[in-house]
Protein backbone atom coordinates (compact mmCIF):
# COMPACT_ATOMS: atom_id res chain seq x y z
CA MET A 1 141.55 105.25 96.10
CA GLY A 2 144.77 107.06 95.02
CA LYS A 3 148.32 105.05 95.03
CA LEU A 4 149.52 106.73 97.89
CA VAL A 5 146.83 105.22 99.97
CA LYS A 6 147.16 102.61 98.80
CA THR A 7 150.87 102.46 99.20
CA ILE A 8 150.56 103.72 102.77
CA ILE A 9 147.77 100.66 103.34
CA ARG A 10 150.04 97.98 102.01
CA ILE A 11 152.94 99.06 104.18
CA LYS A 12 151.92 99.84 107.30
CA GLY A 13 148.79 96.69 106.73
CA SER A 14 151.88 93.54 106.04
CA GLY A 15 153.67 95.16 109.59
CA LEU A 16 150.67 94.14 111.15
CA ALA A 17 149.92 91.43 109.00
CA ARG A 18 153.77 89.85 109.84
CA LYS A 19 153.68 90.72 113.72
CA LEU A 20 150.27 88.69 113.93
CA ASP A 21 151.88 85.94 112.04
CA ARG A 22 154.74 85.50 114.30
CA ALA A 23 152.04 85.53 117.54
CA ALA A 24 150.46 82.21 115.57
CA GLU A 25 153.64 80.19 115.12
CA ARG A 26 154.31 80.73 119.37
CA PRO A 27 150.49 82.18 120.41
CA GLN A 28 151.31 80.49 124.04
CA ASP A 29 154.19 82.97 125.03
CA VAL A 30 152.50 85.66 123.17
CA GLN A 31 148.72 84.88 125.34
CA ASN A 32 150.80 84.67 128.72
CA ASP A 33 152.78 88.02 127.44
CA LEU A 34 149.93 89.96 126.82
CA LEU A 35 148.04 89.28 130.01
CA ARG A 36 151.02 90.02 132.84
CA ARG A 37 151.19 93.35 130.55
CA MET A 38 147.22 94.06 130.86
CA VAL A 39 147.61 92.71 134.63
CA LYS A 40 151.02 95.30 135.15
CA ALA A 41 149.77 97.95 134.37
CA ASN A 42 146.44 97.79 135.72
CA ALA A 43 147.68 96.99 138.99
CA ASP A 44 146.55 99.93 140.91
CA THR A 45 143.29 100.48 139.46
CA ALA A 46 140.21 99.30 142.25
CA PHE A 47 139.79 96.49 140.41
CA GLY A 48 143.39 95.69 140.47
CA LYS A 49 142.92 95.86 143.92
CA ASP A 50 139.71 94.37 144.62
CA HIS A 51 141.46 91.14 142.27
CA GLY A 52 144.85 91.46 143.63
CA PHE A 53 146.62 91.78 140.50
CA ALA A 54 149.68 93.03 142.19
CA SER A 55 149.93 89.43 143.27
CA ILE A 56 149.87 87.74 140.26
CA ARG A 57 152.54 86.56 137.78
CA THR A 58 150.91 83.55 136.42
CA GLU A 59 147.41 82.14 134.43
CA GLY A 60 147.13 80.25 136.87
CA ASP A 61 147.09 82.88 139.91
CA TYR A 62 144.40 84.62 137.40
CA ARG A 63 142.02 81.75 137.31
CA ARG A 64 142.74 82.11 140.61
CA GLN A 65 141.88 85.27 141.98
CA VAL A 66 139.56 86.45 139.15
CA PRO A 67 135.86 84.66 139.08
CA ILE A 68 134.55 84.63 135.72
CA ARG A 69 131.45 87.20 135.08
CA ASP A 70 128.94 88.42 132.18
CA TYR A 71 128.15 91.77 132.01
CA GLU A 72 126.02 92.01 135.29
CA GLY A 73 128.73 91.20 137.16
CA LEU A 74 130.92 93.98 135.90
CA ARG A 75 128.41 97.23 135.76
CA PRO A 76 129.13 98.18 139.75
CA TYR A 77 132.40 99.19 138.52
CA VAL A 78 130.87 101.01 134.70
CA ASN A 79 128.16 102.44 137.42
CA ARG A 80 131.64 104.09 138.97
CA ILE A 81 133.07 104.54 135.93
CA THR A 82 129.84 106.83 134.32
CA ALA A 83 129.41 108.49 137.85
CA GLY A 84 132.94 110.01 136.92
CA GLU A 85 135.47 107.49 139.23
CA GLN A 86 139.08 107.51 137.38
CA ALA A 87 141.35 103.90 137.71
CA VAL A 88 138.66 101.55 138.22
CA LEU A 89 138.97 99.33 135.62
CA THR A 90 141.62 100.31 133.75
CA ALA A 91 144.64 103.28 134.41
CA ALA A 92 144.17 105.02 131.40
CA ALA A 93 140.46 106.49 131.21
CA PRO A 94 138.17 105.90 129.10
CA GLY A 95 137.67 108.18 126.26
CA MET A 96 134.10 106.58 125.69
CA LEU A 97 131.98 104.22 126.41
CA ASN A 98 130.15 101.60 123.31
CA MET A 99 126.79 100.96 123.93
CA THR A 100 124.36 97.49 123.23
CA SER A 101 122.02 95.81 124.32
CA GLY A 102 122.51 94.50 128.06
CA THR A 103 120.55 91.53 129.79
CA THR A 104 118.28 93.04 132.43
CA GLY A 105 116.90 95.79 129.72
CA GLU A 106 119.21 98.67 131.08
CA PRO A 107 121.78 99.10 128.19
CA LYS A 108 125.91 97.28 127.95
CA TYR A 109 128.07 99.80 128.09
CA ILE A 110 131.55 98.90 126.88
CA PRO A 111 134.57 101.61 128.10
CA VAL A 112 137.08 101.81 125.40
CA THR A 113 140.34 102.82 126.21
CA PRO A 114 142.39 104.76 123.26
CA GLU A 115 144.05 101.43 123.49
CA SER A 116 140.87 99.69 122.17
CA MET A 117 140.06 102.08 120.19
CA LYS A 118 144.35 101.97 118.47
CA LEU A 119 143.38 98.13 118.08
CA ALA A 120 140.27 98.65 116.00
CA SER A 121 141.63 100.60 113.82
CA CYS A 122 144.38 98.14 113.10
CA PHE A 123 142.89 95.58 112.63
CA SER A 124 140.25 97.74 110.63
CA LEU A 125 144.00 98.45 108.32
CA GLU A 126 145.11 94.87 108.71
CA TRP A 127 141.39 93.91 107.74
CA ILE A 128 141.73 95.53 104.85
CA TYR A 129 145.42 94.96 104.20
CA ARG A 130 144.69 90.88 103.66
CA ALA A 131 142.28 91.82 101.36
CA LEU A 132 143.76 94.01 99.11
CA GLN A 133 146.15 90.57 98.70
CA ASP A 134 143.18 88.91 97.11
CA HIS A 135 141.21 91.81 95.39
CA PRO A 136 143.42 94.47 94.05
CA GLY A 137 140.56 96.54 92.94
CA PHE A 138 138.80 96.87 95.17
CA LEU A 139 139.70 100.10 96.94
CA ASP A 140 139.79 101.55 93.21
CA GLY A 141 136.35 103.23 93.26
CA ALA A 142 134.53 104.74 95.39
CA PHE A 143 133.66 103.28 99.32
CA VAL A 144 130.02 102.64 100.69
CA GLY A 145 130.13 101.78 104.93
CA ILE A 146 127.29 102.47 106.95
CA VAL A 147 127.13 102.39 110.56
CA SER A 148 125.90 104.31 114.31
CA ARG A 149 125.78 107.13 115.38
CA ALA A 150 128.77 107.63 117.38
CA ILE A 151 127.73 109.59 120.79
CA GLU A 152 123.81 108.95 121.03
CA GLY A 153 124.46 110.98 124.22
CA TYR A 154 126.48 111.58 128.04
CA THR A 155 126.34 109.88 131.33
CA PRO A 156 126.31 112.10 134.73
CA SER A 157 130.00 112.70 134.57
CA GLY A 158 130.64 114.10 130.84
CA LEU A 159 131.88 110.48 129.04
CA PRO A 160 130.12 109.91 125.56
CA TYR A 161 128.40 106.58 124.49
CA GLY A 162 127.14 105.53 121.68
CA SER A 163 128.78 103.34 119.10
CA ALA A 164 132.99 103.29 117.80
CA SER A 165 132.43 101.92 114.92
CA GLY A 166 130.65 105.19 114.05
CA MET A 167 133.61 107.11 116.48
CA LEU A 168 136.79 105.75 113.98
CA TYR A 169 134.74 105.99 110.97
CA GLN A 170 134.62 109.82 111.64
CA ARG A 171 138.41 110.40 112.48
CA ILE A 172 139.78 107.93 109.41
CA PRO A 173 142.16 109.95 107.28
CA GLY A 174 141.29 112.22 105.02
CA PRO A 175 142.74 110.41 101.95
CA ILE A 176 140.38 107.51 102.37
CA ARG A 177 137.73 109.44 103.88
CA SER A 178 137.23 111.30 100.68
CA THR A 179 135.90 107.53 98.22
CA TYR A 180 133.35 107.69 101.57
CA ALA A 181 129.97 107.63 99.45
CA VAL A 182 128.03 107.55 102.42
CA PRO A 183 129.70 110.56 104.83
CA TYR A 184 129.06 109.56 108.51
CA ALA A 185 126.72 112.59 108.16
CA VAL A 186 124.04 110.36 107.14
CA SER A 187 124.68 107.83 109.80
CA GLU A 188 123.15 111.71 112.38
CA ILE A 189 120.44 111.73 110.86
CA LYS A 190 117.20 110.26 113.31
CA ASP A 191 114.90 109.04 110.57
CA TYR A 192 115.67 104.96 109.23
CA ASP A 193 113.37 105.48 106.58
CA ARG A 194 115.52 108.67 105.39
CA ARG A 195 118.92 107.22 106.89
CA TYR A 196 118.00 104.94 104.38
CA PHE A 197 117.07 106.76 101.15
CA VAL A 198 119.51 109.46 102.02
CA ALA A 199 122.16 106.69 101.95
CA ALA A 200 121.21 104.87 98.50
CA ARG A 201 120.61 108.17 97.15
CA LEU A 202 124.30 108.01 97.57
CA ALA A 203 125.86 105.13 96.79
CA LEU A 204 124.01 104.99 93.78
CA ALA A 205 125.78 108.48 92.68
CA ARG A 206 128.91 106.95 93.09
CA ARG A 207 130.82 103.94 90.69
CA VAL A 208 131.41 101.89 93.71
CA SER A 209 133.83 99.03 94.16
CA TYR A 210 133.61 97.63 97.93
CA ILE A 211 130.86 98.19 100.06
CA GLY A 212 131.03 97.19 103.90
CA THR A 213 129.00 97.13 107.50
CA PRO A 214 128.57 94.24 109.79
CA ASN A 215 125.10 93.14 109.53
CA PRO A 216 123.70 92.20 105.72
CA SER A 217 120.52 92.76 107.00
CA THR A 218 121.23 96.62 106.62
CA LEU A 219 123.03 95.93 103.13
CA ILE A 220 119.53 94.01 102.25
CA ARG A 221 117.63 96.82 103.56
CA LEU A 222 119.61 99.78 101.60
CA ALA A 223 119.33 97.54 98.12
CA GLU A 224 115.39 97.32 99.07
CA THR A 225 115.04 101.20 99.63
CA ALA A 226 116.44 101.95 95.90
CA LEU A 227 113.96 99.58 94.50
CA LYS A 228 111.60 101.28 95.74
CA ASN A 229 112.38 104.82 95.55
CA ALA A 230 114.12 104.26 92.13
CA GLU A 231 113.07 107.53 90.08
CA ALA A 232 113.44 109.72 93.31
CA ILE A 233 116.64 108.64 93.34
CA VAL A 234 117.65 109.43 89.76
CA ARG A 235 115.70 112.87 90.47
CA ALA A 236 117.71 113.52 93.22
CA VAL A 237 121.08 113.07 92.26
CA HIS A 238 121.13 115.11 88.87
CA ASP A 239 119.64 118.11 90.66
CA GLY A 240 122.84 117.68 93.20
CA THR A 241 120.04 117.26 96.02
CA PRO A 242 119.32 114.70 99.17
CA GLY A 243 116.07 114.30 97.52
CA ILE A 244 114.05 113.88 101.19
CA ASP A 245 113.19 116.47 103.91
CA LEU A 246 114.98 115.97 107.14
CA PRO A 247 112.35 118.10 109.42
CA GLY A 248 114.07 119.21 112.85
CA GLN A 249 117.35 118.49 111.62
CA PRO A 250 117.84 121.17 109.44
CA GLN A 251 121.90 122.18 110.28
CA LEU A 252 122.28 118.25 109.50
CA ALA A 253 120.10 119.18 106.05
CA ASP A 254 122.50 121.74 105.30
CA GLN A 255 125.38 120.05 105.86
CA LEU A 256 124.74 117.35 103.95
CA SER A 257 122.95 119.55 101.14
CA ALA A 258 126.71 121.46 100.56
CA LEU A 259 128.31 117.81 99.89
CA ILE A 260 126.60 117.43 96.87
CA LYS A 261 126.46 118.23 93.25
CA PRO A 262 123.97 118.98 90.37
CA ASP A 263 125.45 114.80 88.53
CA PRO A 264 123.58 114.79 85.40
CA ASP A 265 125.75 112.31 83.70
CA ARG A 266 125.80 110.01 86.71
CA ALA A 267 122.09 110.44 86.60
CA GLY A 268 122.06 109.42 83.18
CA ILE A 269 123.09 106.30 83.55
CA LEU A 270 121.05 105.26 86.01
CA GLU A 271 118.19 106.16 84.10
CA SER A 272 119.08 104.10 81.57
CA ILE A 273 119.43 101.35 83.86
CA LEU A 274 116.94 101.78 84.95
CA GLU A 275 114.32 101.89 81.80
CA ARG A 276 115.84 98.54 81.09
CA THR A 277 116.03 96.85 84.38
CA GLY A 278 112.71 98.85 85.44
CA SER A 279 114.54 99.09 88.70
CA LEU A 280 117.64 100.08 90.40
CA LEU A 281 119.22 96.57 91.46
CA PRO A 282 123.20 97.57 93.10
CA ALA A 283 124.06 94.76 90.68
CA ASP A 284 123.99 96.76 87.79
CA CYS A 285 124.63 99.81 88.80
CA TRP A 286 127.94 98.68 90.14
CA PRO A 287 129.58 96.91 87.63
CA ASP A 288 133.23 97.08 89.40
CA LEU A 289 131.99 96.04 92.98
CA LYS A 290 134.88 93.47 93.41
CA LEU A 291 134.13 92.59 97.37
CA ILE A 292 131.78 92.85 99.95
CA GLY A 293 132.28 93.10 103.22
CA CYS A 294 129.89 91.40 106.02
CA TRP A 295 129.26 89.10 108.74
CA LEU A 296 129.23 85.35 107.30
CA GLY A 297 128.40 83.60 110.44
CA GLY A 298 125.59 82.98 113.30
CA SER A 299 122.06 83.43 112.21
CA VAL A 300 122.82 86.62 109.91
CA GLY A 301 124.81 83.95 107.63
CA VAL A 302 121.10 83.36 106.35
CA GLN A 303 120.81 87.16 105.25
CA ALA A 304 124.10 86.80 103.53
CA ARG A 305 123.55 83.68 100.99
CA LYS A 306 120.11 86.22 99.33
CA LEU A 307 123.05 89.49 98.65
CA PRO A 308 123.14 88.00 95.69
CA GLU A 309 120.49 88.77 94.32
CA TYR A 310 121.02 92.34 95.16
CA TYR A 311 124.47 92.65 94.74
CA GLY A 312 125.49 89.50 91.57
CA ASP A 313 128.12 86.79 92.24
CA VAL A 314 130.59 89.88 94.04
CA PRO A 315 133.16 87.69 96.45
CA MET A 316 131.85 88.42 99.84
CA ARG A 317 134.38 88.53 103.33
CA ASP A 318 133.17 88.00 106.73
CA LEU A 319 133.96 90.93 108.96
CA GLY A 320 135.58 88.84 111.63
CA PHE A 321 134.49 88.02 115.02
CA LEU A 322 134.06 91.32 116.74
CA ALA A 323 131.32 92.77 118.85
CA SER A 324 130.83 95.94 121.58
CA GLU A 325 133.88 94.20 124.18
CA GLY A 326 136.13 94.10 120.16
CA HIS A 327 137.76 92.15 117.37
CA PHE A 328 138.51 89.32 118.34
CA THR A 329 139.39 86.79 115.05
CA LEU A 330 141.20 88.46 111.66
CA PRO A 331 139.78 86.73 107.69
CA ASN A 332 141.68 86.23 105.75
CA GLN A 333 139.80 84.07 103.05
CA ASP A 334 136.26 84.55 101.59
CA HIS A 335 133.31 83.08 101.82
CA THR A 336 133.35 81.67 105.31
CA ALA A 337 133.19 83.26 108.86
CA SER A 338 136.23 82.03 109.77
CA GLY A 339 139.48 84.21 111.12
CA ILE A 340 142.66 83.94 112.60
CA LEU A 341 142.62 84.50 116.53
CA SER A 342 143.49 88.44 117.16
CA LEU A 343 146.62 87.29 119.25
CA ASN A 344 148.04 90.34 120.02
CA GLY A 345 144.94 92.31 121.37
CA ASN A 346 143.04 90.53 123.67
CA TYR A 347 143.81 87.53 126.12
CA TYR A 348 141.21 84.43 125.63
CA GLU A 349 140.12 81.52 127.70
CA PHE A 350 137.24 79.09 126.33
CA ILE A 351 135.19 76.47 127.66
CA PRO A 352 134.66 73.29 126.36
CA GLU A 353 130.47 73.34 124.42
CA THR A 354 129.18 70.55 126.06
CA SER A 355 131.21 71.59 129.89
CA LEU A 356 129.01 75.06 130.50
CA ASP A 357 126.82 73.51 132.42
CA ASP A 358 129.44 71.98 134.64
CA ALA A 359 129.71 73.00 138.01
CA ASP A 360 133.71 73.54 137.50
CA PRO A 361 133.81 73.12 133.42
CA PRO A 362 137.84 72.97 132.37
CA VAL A 363 139.39 76.16 130.36
CA LEU A 364 140.99 75.85 128.19
CA SER A 365 144.03 78.95 126.16
CA SER A 366 144.07 79.33 123.02
CA HIS A 367 146.72 77.08 122.59
CA GLU A 368 144.83 74.54 123.65
CA LEU A 369 141.21 74.00 121.65
CA GLU A 370 141.01 71.19 119.21
CA SER A 371 139.48 71.51 115.77
CA GLY A 372 135.65 71.05 115.11
CA VAL A 373 135.17 71.56 118.77
CA ASN A 374 133.10 74.52 119.57
CA TYR A 375 133.69 76.52 123.26
CA ALA A 376 132.77 80.27 124.79
CA VAL A 377 134.63 82.35 125.03
CA LEU A 378 135.86 84.28 128.22
CA LEU A 379 137.52 87.79 126.94
CA THR A 380 140.09 90.44 128.45
CA THR A 381 140.41 93.01 126.56
CA PRO A 382 142.63 96.76 126.91
CA GLY A 383 139.45 98.48 127.54
CA GLY A 384 139.18 96.38 131.26
CA LEU A 385 137.14 93.11 130.81
CA TYR A 386 138.30 90.81 132.63
CA ARG A 387 137.97 86.78 132.88
CA TYR A 388 134.53 88.89 130.78
CA ASP A 389 131.40 86.06 129.29
CA ILE A 390 130.00 87.06 125.95
CA HIS A 391 127.93 84.60 125.94
CA ASP A 392 129.27 83.73 122.71
CA ILE A 393 130.23 80.21 121.26
CA VAL A 394 132.27 79.50 118.79
CA GLN A 395 134.22 76.76 116.35
CA VAL A 396 137.35 75.95 115.80
CA THR A 397 137.68 75.36 112.03
CA GLY A 398 141.28 74.43 111.51
CA PHE A 399 144.48 75.83 112.47
CA TYR A 400 146.44 79.37 111.09
CA ARG A 401 150.26 78.03 111.87
CA ASN A 402 149.86 76.58 115.32
CA ALA A 403 146.71 79.31 116.37
CA PRO A 404 143.21 78.69 115.77
CA LEU A 405 140.99 79.92 112.83
CA LEU A 406 137.68 81.10 114.60
CA ALA A 407 133.67 81.33 113.44
CA PHE A 408 131.12 81.93 115.30
CA ILE A 409 128.61 80.12 115.27
CA ARG A 410 125.74 81.53 118.07
CA LYS A 411 124.53 83.22 121.05
CA GLY A 412 125.69 81.28 123.98
CA ARG A 413 123.04 80.00 126.35
CA ASP A 414 119.87 82.13 127.61
CA MET A 415 120.11 84.35 124.29
CA THR A 416 120.03 84.37 120.29
CA SER A 417 120.19 86.73 118.09
CA ILE A 418 118.61 87.01 114.58
CA THR A 419 120.19 90.03 113.28
CA GLY A 420 122.73 91.63 115.81
CA GLU A 421 119.60 92.63 118.49
CA LYS A 422 120.92 90.13 121.54
CA MET A 423 117.77 88.67 122.68
CA HIS A 424 117.94 87.35 126.06
CA VAL A 425 116.32 85.44 128.75
CA ASN A 426 115.98 88.55 130.83
CA HIS A 427 114.40 90.47 127.54
CA LEU A 428 111.70 88.42 126.93
CA LEU A 429 110.99 88.38 130.74
CA LEU A 430 110.55 92.19 131.17
CA ALA A 431 109.00 92.37 128.30
CA LEU A 432 106.53 90.05 128.89
CA GLU A 433 105.60 91.49 132.87
CA GLU A 434 105.03 94.55 130.91
CA VAL A 435 102.41 93.44 128.50
CA ARG A 436 100.52 91.48 131.45
CA ARG A 437 100.28 94.66 133.53
CA ARG A 438 98.85 96.44 131.18
CA TYR A 439 96.51 93.88 129.85
CA ASP A 440 95.84 91.32 132.91
CA VAL A 441 96.66 88.75 130.85
CA SER A 442 97.88 86.63 133.61
CA VAL A 443 96.21 83.38 132.17
CA VAL A 444 99.35 82.02 130.29
CA GLU A 445 99.96 78.01 131.17
CA GLN A 446 103.48 78.19 129.25
CA PHE A 447 105.57 79.69 126.40
CA ARG A 448 108.05 79.54 124.05
CA VAL A 449 110.01 82.23 121.33
CA VAL A 450 111.24 80.61 119.32
CA ALA A 451 113.74 83.69 117.18
CA ASN A 452 113.18 82.55 112.89
CA VAL A 453 115.89 83.80 111.29
CA GLY A 454 114.45 83.06 107.72
CA ALA A 455 111.59 85.39 108.78
CA ARG A 456 113.97 87.87 110.16
CA ARG A 457 110.86 88.04 113.37
CA TYR A 458 110.04 86.58 117.29
CA GLU A 459 107.83 84.43 116.61
CA ILE A 460 105.42 82.96 120.65
CA TYR A 461 104.06 79.87 121.15
CA ALA A 462 101.45 80.40 123.97
CA GLU A 463 98.97 77.77 125.85
CA LEU A 464 96.84 79.79 127.07
CA LYS A 465 93.91 79.61 129.54
CA GLY A 466 91.59 81.55 129.17
CA GLU A 467 89.83 83.27 125.71
CA PHE A 468 90.62 86.10 124.16
CA SER A 469 89.34 87.94 120.59
CA ARG A 470 91.68 86.82 117.77
CA ASP A 471 91.70 91.08 116.99
CA PHE A 472 93.04 92.12 121.14
CA LEU A 473 95.55 89.54 120.14
CA LEU A 474 96.73 90.64 117.54
CA HIS A 475 96.29 94.65 117.49
CA GLU A 476 96.67 95.29 121.58
CA VAL A 477 98.89 91.99 122.96
CA ILE A 478 101.11 92.33 120.09
CA PRO A 479 102.12 95.49 119.41
CA HIS A 480 102.35 96.09 122.77
CA LEU A 481 104.79 93.06 123.49
CA ASP A 482 106.89 94.33 120.63
CA HIS A 483 106.69 98.08 122.12
CA ALA A 484 107.64 96.46 125.75
CA LEU A 485 110.95 94.20 123.74
CA ALA A 486 112.04 97.68 121.69
CA GLY A 487 111.79 99.19 125.71
CA VAL A 488 113.69 97.05 127.03
CA ASN A 489 116.36 95.52 124.36
CA VAL A 490 117.92 99.37 122.82
CA GLU A 491 119.44 96.58 120.12
CA TYR A 492 116.06 95.59 118.75
CA ALA A 493 114.43 98.45 118.88
CA GLU A 494 117.44 99.94 116.16
CA LYS A 495 116.67 96.45 114.37
CA ARG A 496 112.68 97.47 114.45
CA GLY A 497 113.07 100.33 113.40
CA SER A 498 115.35 100.00 110.59
CA ARG A 499 113.19 97.42 109.51
CA ARG A 500 115.17 94.46 109.69
CA LEU A 501 113.42 92.46 112.46
CA ALA A 502 109.34 92.11 110.83
CA PRO A 503 106.82 92.25 113.67
CA PRO A 504 106.79 89.51 116.17
CA CYS A 505 104.05 86.89 115.43
CA LEU A 506 101.50 84.39 118.19
CA HIS A 507 100.94 80.99 117.74
CA LEU A 508 97.79 79.66 120.07
CA MET A 509 98.72 76.21 121.43
CA ARG A 510 96.01 73.65 121.69
CA PRO A 511 95.69 73.26 125.40
CA GLY A 512 97.89 70.16 126.98
CA TRP A 513 101.09 71.73 125.06
CA ALA A 514 103.30 71.86 127.97
CA GLU A 515 102.68 69.48 129.67
CA ALA A 516 102.91 67.06 126.76
CA GLU A 517 106.55 68.29 126.27
CA VAL A 518 107.55 67.51 129.99
CA LEU A 519 105.96 63.27 129.09
CA ARG A 520 107.99 63.13 126.45
CA ALA A 521 111.33 64.21 128.68
CA ALA A 522 110.03 62.49 131.41
CA GLY A 523 109.77 59.31 128.47
CA ALA A 524 113.88 59.27 127.79
CA GLY A 525 114.62 59.97 131.07
CA LYS A 526 114.71 62.43 132.48
CA ARG A 527 113.60 63.82 136.00
CA ASP A 528 110.20 65.66 135.94
CA ILE A 529 111.41 67.49 139.09
CA GLN A 530 114.36 68.56 137.14
CA TYR A 531 113.10 69.18 133.92
CA LYS A 532 114.04 73.36 132.33
CA TRP A 533 112.29 74.80 130.34
CA ARG A 534 112.97 76.57 126.91
CA ILE A 535 111.94 79.72 127.40
CA LEU A 536 114.42 80.92 124.12
CA SER A 537 115.05 79.12 120.79
CA ASP A 538 117.33 79.27 118.09
CA GLU A 539 114.75 76.94 115.82
CA PRO A 540 111.38 75.75 115.93
CA ALA A 541 110.34 71.89 117.09
CA ASP A 542 108.69 69.65 115.39
CA GLU A 543 106.33 68.77 118.69
CA ASP A 544 105.78 72.67 118.70
CA ALA A 545 104.56 73.19 114.92
CA ASP A 546 102.03 70.43 115.04
CA ALA A 547 99.94 71.63 118.71
CA ILE A 548 98.99 75.56 116.60
CA LEU A 549 95.63 76.43 116.83
CA ASP A 550 96.02 79.21 115.37
CA THR A 551 98.58 82.43 114.39
CA LEU A 552 98.83 86.00 114.48
CA GLU A 553 101.23 87.97 112.36
CA THR A 554 100.50 91.71 111.65
CA VAL A 555 101.61 92.79 108.54
CA GLU A 556 103.81 96.01 108.31
CA VAL A 557 102.84 98.47 105.88
CA GLY A 558 106.24 100.58 104.12
């Protein structure tokens, strides 16, 4: 990247960093001022009128008049937006909708306003600026970024929905975009295998100094694609071709071909690496790699710890606590999931994790948090989310001046995630009902689903009443369940399609397994009539492992 671009980043980035530093000195005042501005700006919206925004003067007024809700409580308002109604959640019209997995089988559509898009852009710039302070050379070479398609479709009113990160990736200024090793067009390749092949082929054709994408499983898939297709990649770099056909997308194929030129010199370097080592490991191909940006916390942190196998001993910096709903923390150190709460963009409230089941849990502001404590997060954002329960649990790891440092820990109640798919209990119930209807498998005594992070798959523990052939369960029921989960959770479908998630497996449990758990709970002093069976779990219990009679798992080829 040129000196001029770096200078611009330093000038603009330093201004953003100073603004956050000043906010960190007085988080309570900054948050309250931000809340008042957002409430005032949106008082004449449908949501604002429904909740008396015009009469809100204080934080206490806001909490009394606006109930906590998750996306399903907000969906009726979003449906009005998709139908074309104006001024529903925000006075400013959204430019697009961020699509992600919902909890009921229908995707979530998060409004993206001009202000929320600007915040995302500023967040990226400040992240780069702070990383540049610690890694002056990380922008000297090419940059590898992997994003989702900007536009997946349109609402009946013509509003686009898709990925705001993809949209932002397209809008980066030309001088910075010229350093992209993988242009946005690659994101438009429909077939996952072809998409990763072209991404790996283009990335290895450059001397890369920085690679960044939120999910570390994406980086693992990219590296494994390079290892598996080494000779074809060397040939494509030498000849100046994409290296693979793109059936059904001739215009995209022409667009990519126009961006690629023969590079016998780079091909020669790659070929010598292949001859010397027997593979095209990114660590060997990118000796100038200075920094990896990806999530380091939660369940995906397990995948991040595998990255040195492929990329070498390279510093890693978390991209922050971010989601389709917005960007919430700004990491300022390597090798930690912790980051400074982004006080200038969103208004935050927190509920202690230990109080989540209380009828009237305490709700705290950012200046009231304690180090070492876990909290659920409520968001109020420029995109029109108000006291929005994102179902995430974060931990306060310390303080930056007076602002809390937060690290994402896991999804909240009734939800888990292995590699960003956000699996909710409702998804499981919907998918299992689909399987039951198709195969009349109505004799399940009890079941539990466990997110096995290490194996990157969901494991179903089931106690059945009847007898079923192993082949029927293995070749009919499990594949259909996999398909049904993809049908109710768009993120699961994407992760399975790209093989960042492996197929689910089935553990057949011994008779009496479920009853034994209830009896254990009763023996521990819990009332059996009030006992809540855990349908979804982050980790298996020893008692579950001891009760397995047989395990059925499919092997995915390719």
